[in-house]
Protein backbone atom coordinates (compact mmCIF):
# COMPACT_ATOMS: atom_id res chain seq x y z
CA MET A 1 -37.70 8.53 -4.44
CA THR A 2 -39.43 8.57 -7.99
CA ALA A 3 -39.83 5.51 -10.61
CA VAL A 4 -36.79 7.61 -12.17
CA GLY A 5 -35.22 8.20 -9.38
CA VAL A 6 -35.05 4.61 -8.40
CA LEU A 7 -33.86 3.45 -12.20
CA GLU A 8 -31.48 6.27 -11.41
CA TRP A 9 -30.34 4.58 -8.63
CA MET A 10 -29.76 1.17 -10.37
CA MET A 11 -28.28 2.83 -13.32
CA GLU A 12 -25.08 4.62 -11.16
CA THR A 13 -22.54 2.75 -12.32
CA MET A 14 -22.92 0.48 -15.77
CA THR A 15 -20.75 -2.58 -13.87
CA ALA A 16 -24.15 -2.62 -10.64
CA GLY A 17 -25.63 -4.94 -10.47
CA VAL A 18 -29.04 -4.51 -8.52
CA VAL A 19 -31.44 -6.77 -6.83
CA ALA A 20 -34.77 -6.21 -4.56
CA PHE A 21 -35.22 -9.09 -1.54
CA ASP A 22 -38.23 -9.29 0.72
CA THR A 23 -36.78 -9.28 5.38
CA GLU A 24 -38.77 -9.03 8.50
CA LEU A 25 -39.30 -5.33 8.02
CA GLY A 26 -39.33 -4.75 3.66
CA ALA A 27 -38.53 -4.97 1.02
CA CYS A 28 -35.01 -4.47 0.73
CA ALA A 29 -32.77 -3.37 -1.86
CA VAL A 30 -28.59 -3.81 -2.93
CA ARG A 31 -26.71 -2.24 -5.65
CA TRP A 32 -23.34 -3.75 -6.23
CA THR A 33 -20.30 -3.33 -9.06
CA ASP A 34 -17.03 -5.72 -9.23
CA GLY A 35 -15.65 -3.21 -6.05
CA GLY A 36 -18.23 -4.67 -3.53
CA ILE A 37 -21.61 -3.79 -2.18
CA ALA A 38 -22.41 -0.36 -3.73
CA SER A 39 -25.39 1.59 -1.67
CA VAL A 40 -28.39 -0.44 0.40
CA ARG A 41 -32.17 1.26 0.23
CA LEU A 42 -34.15 -0.25 2.73
CA PRO A 43 -37.52 -1.35 3.18
CA SER A 44 -40.03 1.54 1.85
CA VAL A 45 -43.01 1.58 -1.14
CA ARG A 46 -40.39 2.36 -3.77
CA THR A 47 -38.23 -0.19 -2.86
CA ALA A 48 -41.20 -2.48 -3.14
CA GLU A 49 -41.29 -1.93 -6.93
CA LEU A 50 -37.71 -2.82 -7.18
CA LEU A 51 -39.23 -6.88 -6.61
CA ARG A 52 -40.27 -6.63 -10.09
CA LEU A 53 -37.33 -6.21 -11.53
CA ASP A 54 -35.10 -8.38 -9.86
CA SER A 55 -32.75 -10.93 -11.43
CA GLU A 56 -31.39 -13.74 -8.48
CA ALA A 57 -29.42 -15.44 -11.91
CA ALA A 58 -26.67 -12.80 -12.13
CA VAL A 59 -26.14 -12.54 -8.00
CA PRO A 60 -23.05 -13.15 -6.87
CA GLU A 61 -21.76 -15.17 -4.22
CA GLY A 62 -20.37 -12.22 -2.35
CA VAL A 63 -23.81 -10.18 -2.11
CA ARG A 64 -25.92 -12.91 -2.23
CA ALA A 65 -24.19 -13.76 1.44
CA ALA A 66 -24.80 -9.90 2.17
CA ILE A 67 -27.99 -10.16 1.34
CA ALA A 68 -28.11 -13.66 3.76
CA GLY A 69 -26.68 -11.01 6.38
CA ILE A 70 -29.16 -7.69 5.53
CA VAL A 71 -31.85 -10.32 6.01
CA ALA A 72 -30.73 -11.98 9.54
CA VAL A 73 -30.20 -8.56 11.00
CA LEU A 74 -33.71 -7.25 10.29
CA ALA A 75 -34.92 -10.71 11.64
CA GLY A 76 -33.72 -10.14 14.52
CA SER A 77 -29.73 -11.56 14.60
CA SER A 78 -26.91 -10.33 15.81
CA ARG A 79 -25.25 -10.91 12.90
CA ASP A 80 -21.64 -8.87 12.49
CA LEU A 81 -21.53 -7.81 8.50
CA ARG A 82 -17.77 -6.44 8.66
CA PHE A 83 -17.45 -9.42 5.97
CA VAL A 84 -19.35 -7.34 3.25
CA ALA A 85 -16.84 -5.79 0.95
CA LEU A 86 -18.13 -2.29 0.33
CA ASP A 87 -17.12 -0.59 -3.24
CA GLN A 88 -16.19 2.56 -0.97
CA ARG A 89 -13.97 4.34 -4.54
CA GLU A 90 -16.79 7.19 -4.41
CA ILE A 91 -16.76 7.47 -0.84
CA ASP A 92 -14.09 10.45 0.41
CA ALA A 93 -10.95 9.90 3.44
CA TRP A 94 -13.33 11.63 6.14
CA ARG A 95 -16.67 9.09 5.89
CA ARG A 96 -14.41 6.27 5.18
CA GLU A 97 -12.80 6.87 8.55
CA VAL A 98 -15.82 7.51 9.78
CA TYR A 99 -17.79 4.18 8.21
CA LYS A 100 -14.78 1.74 9.35
CA ALA A 101 -15.13 3.09 12.43
CA THR A 102 -19.08 2.84 12.58
CA ARG A 103 -18.77 -0.71 11.10
CA ALA A 104 -16.23 -1.53 14.63
CA VAL A 105 -19.84 -1.03 16.69
CA MET A 106 -21.28 -4.50 17.16
CA PRO A 107 -24.19 -5.89 17.36
CA GLY A 108 -26.91 -5.01 20.50
CA THR A 109 -24.42 -2.28 21.04
CA THR A 110 -24.71 1.54 20.37
CA ALA A 111 -21.98 4.83 20.34
CA THR A 112 -22.99 8.27 20.22
CA TYR A 113 -21.10 10.49 17.48
CA GLY A 114 -19.00 11.53 20.05
CA GLU A 115 -17.76 8.69 20.27
CA ILE A 116 -17.41 7.65 16.68
CA ALA A 117 -15.14 11.43 16.21
CA ARG A 118 -12.85 9.79 19.03
CA ALA A 119 -12.61 6.88 17.66
CA ILE A 120 -11.45 8.67 15.04
CA GLY A 121 -9.23 11.05 16.26
CA ARG A 122 -10.96 14.11 16.58
CA THR A 123 -11.75 15.68 19.73
CA ASP A 124 -12.62 19.09 18.33
CA PRO A 125 -16.41 20.52 19.37
CA GLU A 126 -17.43 19.96 15.70
CA ALA A 127 -16.38 16.14 16.10
CA ALA A 128 -19.43 14.33 16.49
CA ARG A 129 -21.42 16.54 13.83
CA ASP A 130 -19.04 16.46 11.28
CA VAL A 131 -19.33 12.18 12.44
CA GLY A 132 -23.51 12.81 11.82
CA ALA A 133 -23.13 14.51 8.29
CA ALA A 134 -20.98 11.65 7.51
CA LEU A 135 -23.30 9.03 8.74
CA ALA A 136 -26.60 10.60 7.26
CA ARG A 137 -25.35 9.77 3.68
CA ASN A 138 -24.58 6.69 4.33
CA PRO A 139 -25.06 4.26 1.33
CA PHE A 140 -24.34 1.60 3.55
CA PRO A 141 -27.17 1.18 6.29
CA ILE A 142 -27.35 -1.70 7.91
CA VAL A 143 -23.62 -3.14 6.77
CA VAL A 144 -22.89 0.19 7.84
CA PRO A 145 -24.54 0.07 11.18
CA CYS A 146 -25.45 4.07 11.25
CA HIS A 147 -28.63 3.33 13.25
CA ARG A 148 -26.43 1.74 16.63
CA VAL A 149 -25.09 5.72 16.75
CA LEU A 150 -26.80 7.58 18.96
CA GLY A 151 -27.02 11.67 20.53
CA ALA A 152 -25.68 11.93 22.93
CA ASN A 153 -26.92 10.32 26.39
CA GLY A 154 -28.07 7.85 24.24
CA LYS A 155 -31.50 9.94 22.66
CA LEU A 156 -32.37 8.57 18.86
CA THR A 157 -31.47 11.13 16.72
CA GLY A 158 -30.17 11.99 12.76
CA PHE A 159 -31.73 8.80 10.93
CA SER A 160 -32.19 9.57 7.63
CA ALA A 161 -34.07 6.19 6.10
CA PRO A 162 -37.47 5.69 5.85
CA GLY A 163 -39.32 5.50 8.74
CA VAL A 164 -37.13 7.80 10.63
CA LEU A 165 -36.27 6.92 13.63
CA ALA A 166 -39.10 4.68 14.14
CA THR A 167 -37.32 2.23 11.62
CA LYS A 168 -34.14 3.44 13.56
CA ARG A 169 -35.94 2.78 16.93
CA ARG A 170 -36.66 -0.62 15.82
CA MET A 171 -33.68 -2.06 14.48
CA LEU A 172 -31.82 -1.24 17.73
CA GLU A 173 -34.80 -3.03 19.44
CA LEU A 174 -34.52 -5.97 16.87
CA GLU A 175 -30.78 -6.32 18.05
CA GLY A 176 -31.57 -6.58 21.70
CA ALA A 177 -28.81 -2.77 22.17
CA PRO A 178 -29.64 -1.83 25.87
CA GLY A 179 -32.31 0.61 26.58
CA PHE A 180 -34.35 -0.88 23.29
CA GLY A 181 -37.19 -3.77 22.93
CA GLN A 182 -37.23 -4.25 26.47
CA GLN A 183 -40.68 -4.05 28.66
CA VAL A 184 -41.70 -1.06 30.51
CA LEU A 185 -43.41 -2.59 33.60
CA PHE A 186 -44.99 0.51 34.83
CA GLY A 187 -45.64 3.45 32.84
């Protein structure tokens, strides 16, 4: 994302505020409206640029709580962030269902795209792919924990955040998800 892109992201909603903050993995940012968190930016060079624009004085308490939760998760805490209010006014009904089911995947656990599809009543052959497409457009990473959703047989796939699959793996390691972060004895 270019510097212009960062500013466009900040201005998407006139009633929005934006704040950047440091985490164990690097600088993150949240944008909010009167309806809740509108988007989350994971660590990247461009997100770090937002730190210069940071204005904590006007950050609502609910946003501060969301930030504290995100910081804790990225520090390895098994925090449940379902308390965070999300502004989903611009999100279609299908994606809302996918995000709701994904938020039910608890810290330290994983689900497959197919399991998320079945959780919302989809069993057709395209369902897992449709879930993947919805999660690829997730504007709320960490809060809607798309990093906990894996391909069939636990395969790491489909993560579009900075760092791609390495970031997804690191987030699962921090949470202690089964099969991630365990030392290899023989290799």
